[in-house]
Amino acid sequence: MEICQEPNPHDWYSSLTKSEKSSFIRYFCNKYNMSASTLMHKLNNRRSYRLTFLEKKTIIHEINEGLWR
């Protein structure tokens, strides 16, 4: 049985360039009507902001599918 490791959204987001981060945030704002500033805080791992289970699963799905590009 193969173990499929999911990307960590926080680590993955921090590895993006500034323009890629902008495109990624814009994609989620447009497709899922998410607040840009809140999403940025959550992905930057701010202490008082946490991704919900549904947000995390959605982001991981979008990363794996590459739909945000």
Protein backbone atom coordinates (compact mmCIF):
# COMPACT_ATOMS: atom_id res chain seq x y z
CA MET A 1 0.00 0.00 0.00
CA GLU A 2 1.41 3.35 -1.06
CA ILE A 3 1.22 6.31 1.28
CA CYS A 4 0.20 9.46 -0.52
CA GLN A 5 1.46 12.50 1.33
CA GLU A 6 -0.64 15.64 1.05
CA PRO A 7 1.16 18.94 0.62
CA ASN A 8 1.13 21.24 3.62
CA PRO A 9 -0.70 24.38 2.41
CA HIS A 10 1.40 26.65 4.63
CA ASP A 11 4.75 25.30 3.41
CA TRP A 12 3.58 25.12 -0.17
CA TYR A 13 2.30 28.71 -0.14
CA SER A 14 5.52 30.03 1.40
CA SER A 15 7.52 28.46 -1.46
CA LEU A 16 5.63 30.43 -4.12
CA THR A 17 6.92 33.62 -5.70
CA LYS A 18 5.13 36.90 -5.03
CA SER A 19 3.30 36.81 -8.38
CA GLU A 20 2.29 33.15 -7.90
CA LYS A 21 0.92 33.97 -4.45
CA SER A 22 -1.10 36.79 -5.97
CA SER A 23 -2.53 34.49 -8.66
CA PHE A 24 -3.33 31.80 -6.10
CA ILE A 25 -5.15 34.22 -3.77
CA ARG A 26 -7.04 35.82 -6.69
CA TYR A 27 -8.16 32.38 -7.90
CA PHE A 28 -9.66 31.52 -4.51
CA CYS A 29 -11.27 34.94 -4.19
CA ASN A 30 -12.97 34.57 -7.56
CA LYS A 31 -13.92 30.88 -7.45
CA TYR A 32 -14.83 30.44 -3.78
CA ASN A 33 -15.61 34.05 -2.80
CA MET A 34 -13.02 33.95 -0.01
CA SER A 35 -11.63 37.09 1.60
CA ALA A 36 -8.12 37.76 0.28
CA SER A 37 -6.70 39.17 3.50
CA THR A 38 -8.11 36.39 5.67
CA LEU A 39 -6.84 33.70 3.32
CA MET A 40 -3.38 35.29 3.24
CA HIS A 41 -3.29 35.37 7.04
CA LYS A 42 -4.36 31.73 7.24
CA LEU A 43 -1.80 30.59 4.67
CA ASN A 44 0.96 32.61 6.35
CA ASN A 45 0.18 30.68 9.55
CA ARG A 46 -0.74 33.69 11.67
CA ARG A 47 -1.38 32.73 15.25
CA SER A 48 -5.05 33.75 15.47
CA TYR A 49 -5.97 32.47 11.97
CA ARG A 50 -6.42 28.77 11.21
CA LEU A 51 -7.58 26.97 8.10
CA THR A 52 -10.79 25.03 8.63
CA PHE A 53 -10.87 21.37 7.64
CA LEU A 54 -12.94 22.17 4.54
CA GLU A 55 -10.63 25.05 3.50
CA LYS A 56 -7.57 22.85 3.92
CA LYS A 57 -9.05 19.98 1.88
CA THR A 58 -10.17 22.39 -0.86
CA ILE A 59 -6.75 24.05 -1.05
CA ILE A 60 -4.96 20.68 -1.17
CA HIS A 61 -7.31 19.53 -3.94
CA GLU A 62 -6.65 22.70 -5.96
CA ILE A 63 -2.87 22.35 -5.44
CA ASN A 64 -2.87 18.70 -6.56
CA GLU A 65 -5.06 19.39 -9.60
CA GLY A 66 -3.16 22.56 -10.54
CA LEU A 67 -6.44 24.29 -11.34
CA TRP A 68 -5.40 27.64 -9.88
CA ARG A 69 -2.71 28.27 -12.52
